[in-house]
Amino acid sequence: MAKIIIDKQIADLRRKKGITQEQLAVAMNVSSQAVSKWESGV
C-alpha cells in the first residue's frame, strides 16, 4: 500500500510545482522514463 501512496505523491508534488517529468528527471540526473516508471508504480 505504501508504494501506491509514494507513486501518487511523486506525481502530485511534481504537478503542484508545475514541472514536467523531463524537468524532474534532469534535476535528479535520471531519465524521464525512470520518472514515468516511478509515477506509474513500475
Protein backbone atom coordinates (compact mmCIF):
# COMPACT_ATOMS: atom_id res chain seq x y z
CA MET A 1 0.00 0.00 0.00
CA ALA A 2 2.84 2.42 0.74
CA LYS A 3 4.08 2.11 -2.83
CA ILE A 4 0.79 3.43 -4.18
CA ILE A 5 0.95 6.42 -1.86
CA ILE A 6 4.54 7.23 -2.86
CA ASP A 7 3.71 6.95 -6.57
CA LYS A 8 0.80 9.34 -6.17
CA GLN A 9 2.84 11.76 -4.07
CA ILE A 10 5.62 11.99 -6.63
CA ALA A 11 3.13 12.81 -9.38
CA ASP A 12 1.09 15.21 -7.23
CA LEU A 13 4.10 17.15 -5.97
CA ARG A 14 5.57 17.39 -9.46
CA ARG A 15 2.30 18.77 -10.83
CA LYS A 16 1.96 21.25 -7.94
CA LYS A 17 5.42 22.58 -8.77
CA GLY A 18 4.36 22.87 -12.40
CA ILE A 19 7.25 20.87 -13.80
CA THR A 20 7.30 18.13 -16.40
CA GLN A 21 8.61 14.63 -15.94
CA GLU A 22 11.55 15.62 -18.15
CA GLN A 23 12.40 18.62 -15.95
CA LEU A 24 12.25 16.47 -12.81
CA ALA A 25 14.44 13.86 -14.48
CA VAL A 26 17.08 16.44 -15.39
CA ALA A 27 17.05 17.86 -11.84
CA MET A 28 17.51 14.37 -10.39
CA ASN A 29 20.00 13.23 -13.05
CA VAL A 30 17.83 10.30 -14.16
CA SER A 31 15.94 9.51 -17.36
CA SER A 32 12.42 10.75 -17.97
CA GLN A 33 11.47 7.09 -18.39
CA ALA A 34 12.56 6.48 -14.78
CA VAL A 35 10.27 9.25 -13.54
CA SER A 36 7.42 7.82 -15.59
CA LYS A 37 8.00 4.38 -14.06
CA TRP A 38 8.06 5.82 -10.54
CA GLU A 39 4.76 7.59 -11.12
CA SER A 40 3.12 4.53 -12.65
CA GLY A 41 4.38 2.20 -9.94
CA VAL A 42 6.58 0.09 -12.18
